[in-house]
Amino acid sequence: MRAQTRWTLLLAALAVTGWLALRAPSDGGPAAAFAPTVAAVDPTQTAVKKGASVSPARERQRIESAQADPFFPATAAPKRPVQKIAPVPVPVVLPPPSPPSAPPLPFTYFGRVAGPSGAGSVYIARGNDLLTVKAGEVIDGVYRVERITEEEIVFVYLPLDVRQALRIPS
């Protein structure tokens, strides 16, 4: 298409658009379909009269509101106050506390020395300390050695009277 033909079609479309936009709504053109209808509300009556006259100040206020909010309805009902409802407190149910438990044993098995009667001492390590223990002995006022067998050493954690076993490797 030549440039002159394009310009001619563009100017013709612009002229038709301008003519449609400037036509009065009363002559039944396409602009009449989009013309707003004004509804006046008489406070003494409950019926709305369509096409009733409205003061220019009120009409200007309605148009400005509509321009500010494109979704503004033509006949806006007054807003009712919103009633706020206080949130209902939800009771918090906590699980029962767990019973106290003994800490993990701080000892590791180190070795055994057998005595002539068969009862002997056992070497245990706590960190860098090496301890020699026998059945019935109390360690630091916290642990008591209850019994020593071939498979395990049974300690009693004295603050809670809880028994704990330290396995002896075979």
Protein backbone atom coordinates (compact mmCIF):
# COMPACT_ATOMS: atom_id res chain seq x y z
CA MET A 1 0.00 0.00 0.00
CA ARG A 2 1.35 3.42 -0.88
CA ALA A 3 2.04 6.07 1.73
CA GLN A 4 -0.54 8.47 0.27
CA THR A 5 -3.32 5.83 0.45
CA ARG A 6 -2.39 5.02 4.09
CA TRP A 7 -2.55 8.67 5.09
CA THR A 8 -5.92 9.09 3.38
CA LEU A 9 -7.41 6.08 5.21
CA LEU A 10 -5.99 7.28 8.53
CA LEU A 11 -7.48 10.78 8.13
CA ALA A 12 -10.86 9.31 7.11
CA ALA A 13 -10.93 7.06 10.19
CA LEU A 14 -9.97 10.01 12.39
CA ALA A 15 -12.74 12.16 10.89
CA VAL A 16 -15.40 9.45 11.44
CA THR A 17 -14.23 8.94 15.04
CA GLY A 18 -14.37 12.68 15.74
CA TRP A 19 -17.83 12.99 14.18
CA LEU A 20 -19.16 10.10 16.34
CA ALA A 21 -17.63 11.56 19.49
CA LEU A 22 -19.07 15.02 18.93
CA ARG A 23 -22.60 13.95 18.06
CA ALA A 24 -25.16 14.92 20.65
CA PRO A 25 -26.57 12.03 22.73
CA SER A 26 -30.12 13.12 21.92
CA ASP A 27 -29.87 12.34 18.20
CA GLY A 28 -29.68 8.59 18.87
CA GLY A 29 -26.05 8.00 17.80
CA PRO A 30 -23.67 5.54 19.39
CA ALA A 31 -22.76 8.07 22.10
CA ALA A 32 -26.34 7.90 23.38
CA ALA A 33 -25.78 4.30 24.44
CA PHE A 34 -22.99 5.41 26.74
CA ALA A 35 -24.64 8.55 28.11
CA PRO A 36 -25.21 8.28 31.86
CA THR A 37 -28.73 8.48 33.18
CA VAL A 38 -29.11 10.56 36.28
CA ALA A 39 -31.27 9.22 39.08
CA ALA A 40 -32.47 11.65 41.74
CA VAL A 41 -33.49 10.39 45.15
CA ASP A 42 -36.09 12.30 47.09
CA PRO A 43 -35.50 11.75 50.82
CA THR A 44 -39.24 11.79 51.51
CA GLN A 45 -40.00 9.13 48.92
CA THR A 46 -38.53 5.69 48.48
CA ALA A 47 -38.93 5.48 44.70
CA VAL A 48 -36.13 6.66 42.38
CA LYS A 49 -37.20 8.84 39.47
CA LYS A 50 -35.21 8.22 36.30
CA GLY A 51 -34.17 11.24 34.26
CA ALA A 52 -35.04 13.72 37.03
CA SER A 53 -33.05 16.93 37.16
CA VAL A 54 -30.13 17.17 39.57
CA SER A 55 -28.37 20.31 40.68
CA PRO A 56 -25.19 21.11 38.70
CA ALA A 57 -23.06 21.00 41.86
CA ARG A 58 -24.36 17.54 42.72
CA GLU A 59 -23.83 16.34 39.13
CA ARG A 60 -20.27 17.73 39.11
CA GLN A 61 -19.54 15.93 42.40
CA ARG A 62 -20.91 12.67 40.97
CA ILE A 63 -18.81 13.01 37.79
CA GLU A 64 -15.65 13.81 39.77
CA SER A 65 -16.26 10.77 41.95
CA ALA A 66 -16.76 8.64 38.86
CA GLN A 67 -13.54 9.99 37.30
CA ALA A 68 -11.60 9.23 40.47
CA ASP A 69 -12.98 5.69 40.66
CA PRO A 70 -13.77 4.05 37.29
CA PHE A 71 -15.93 1.46 39.06
CA PHE A 72 -18.09 4.08 40.78
CA PRO A 73 -21.75 3.11 40.35
CA ALA A 74 -24.11 5.75 38.92
CA THR A 75 -26.51 5.34 41.84
CA ALA A 76 -24.32 4.68 44.83
CA ALA A 77 -26.15 3.68 47.98
CA PRO A 78 -24.83 5.18 51.20
CA LYS A 79 -22.35 2.92 52.92
CA ARG A 80 -23.53 1.25 56.07
CA PRO A 81 -21.12 1.28 58.98
CA VAL A 82 -19.14 -1.91 59.27
CA GLN A 83 -19.62 -3.64 62.57
CA LYS A 84 -16.33 -5.01 63.87
CA ILE A 85 -16.46 -8.25 65.77
CA ALA A 86 -13.84 -8.86 68.41
CA PRO A 87 -11.79 -12.00 67.79
CA VAL A 88 -12.61 -14.92 70.01
CA PRO A 89 -9.57 -16.01 72.01
CA VAL A 90 -8.58 -19.58 71.28
CA PRO A 91 -7.57 -21.50 74.38
CA VAL A 92 -4.06 -22.85 74.17
CA VAL A 93 -3.73 -26.40 75.38
CA LEU A 94 -0.18 -27.34 76.25
CA PRO A 95 0.87 -30.97 76.40
CA PRO A 96 1.79 -32.20 79.86
CA PRO A 97 5.48 -31.77 80.64
CA SER A 98 7.61 -34.83 80.11
CA PRO A 99 8.99 -36.44 83.23
CA PRO A 100 12.59 -35.54 84.03
CA SER A 101 15.17 -37.95 82.72
CA ALA A 102 18.78 -38.64 83.52
CA PRO A 103 21.49 -37.15 81.30
CA PRO A 104 23.46 -39.53 79.09
CA LEU A 105 26.22 -41.39 80.84
CA PRO A 106 29.48 -39.41 80.76
CA PHE A 107 31.55 -42.62 81.06
CA THR A 108 33.17 -44.93 78.54
CA TYR A 109 34.50 -48.42 79.28
CA PHE A 110 38.30 -48.56 79.39
CA GLY A 111 39.25 -51.96 80.82
CA ARG A 112 39.03 -54.50 83.62
CA VAL A 113 41.40 -55.95 86.22
CA ALA A 114 40.38 -59.28 87.71
CA GLY A 115 41.27 -59.95 91.34
CA PRO A 116 42.17 -63.29 92.89
CA SER A 117 38.62 -63.82 94.18
CA GLY A 118 37.06 -63.09 90.77
CA ALA A 119 35.78 -59.66 91.80
CA GLY A 120 37.84 -56.91 90.33
CA SER A 121 37.96 -53.30 89.40
CA VAL A 122 36.78 -51.73 86.20
CA TYR A 123 38.43 -48.77 84.55
CA ILE A 124 36.11 -46.15 83.07
CA ALA A 125 36.97 -42.87 81.43
CA ARG A 126 35.18 -39.54 81.87
CA GLY A 127 36.66 -37.06 79.41
CA ASN A 128 40.44 -37.16 80.07
CA ASP A 129 40.06 -38.65 83.58
CA LEU A 130 40.54 -42.37 84.20
CA LEU A 131 38.56 -43.78 87.15
CA THR A 132 38.76 -47.16 88.88
CA VAL A 133 35.33 -48.24 90.18
CA LYS A 134 33.89 -51.19 92.15
CA ALA A 135 30.28 -52.19 92.85
CA GLY A 136 28.64 -49.94 95.47
CA GLU A 137 31.03 -47.02 94.90
CA VAL A 138 29.62 -43.45 94.52
CA ILE A 139 31.15 -41.16 91.88
CA ASP A 140 31.05 -37.40 92.62
CA GLY A 141 27.85 -37.82 94.67
CA VAL A 142 25.88 -38.16 91.41
CA TYR A 143 26.34 -41.75 90.18
CA ARG A 144 26.51 -45.00 92.14
CA VAL A 145 27.89 -48.21 90.60
CA GLU A 146 25.13 -50.72 91.33
CA ARG A 147 26.65 -53.84 89.79
CA ILE A 148 29.33 -54.97 87.40
CA THR A 149 28.74 -58.01 85.17
CA GLU A 150 30.57 -59.48 82.19
CA GLU A 151 28.23 -57.65 79.78
CA GLU A 152 27.55 -54.29 81.45
CA ILE A 153 28.08 -51.84 84.28
CA VAL A 154 24.85 -50.57 85.88
CA PHE A 155 24.92 -47.04 87.29
CA VAL A 156 22.22 -45.29 89.32
CA TYR A 157 21.72 -41.57 88.68
CA LEU A 158 21.12 -40.54 92.30
CA PRO A 159 19.13 -37.27 91.87
CA LEU A 160 16.35 -39.14 90.02
CA ASP A 161 17.07 -42.73 91.12
CA VAL A 162 17.28 -43.82 87.47
CA ARG A 163 19.30 -46.84 86.37
CA GLN A 164 21.56 -46.62 83.33
CA ALA A 165 23.70 -49.35 81.79
CA LEU A 166 27.10 -49.05 80.12
CA ARG A 167 27.70 -51.99 77.76
CA ILE A 168 31.08 -53.70 77.97
CA PRO A 169 32.40 -54.61 74.53
CA SER A 170 33.26 -58.27 74.14
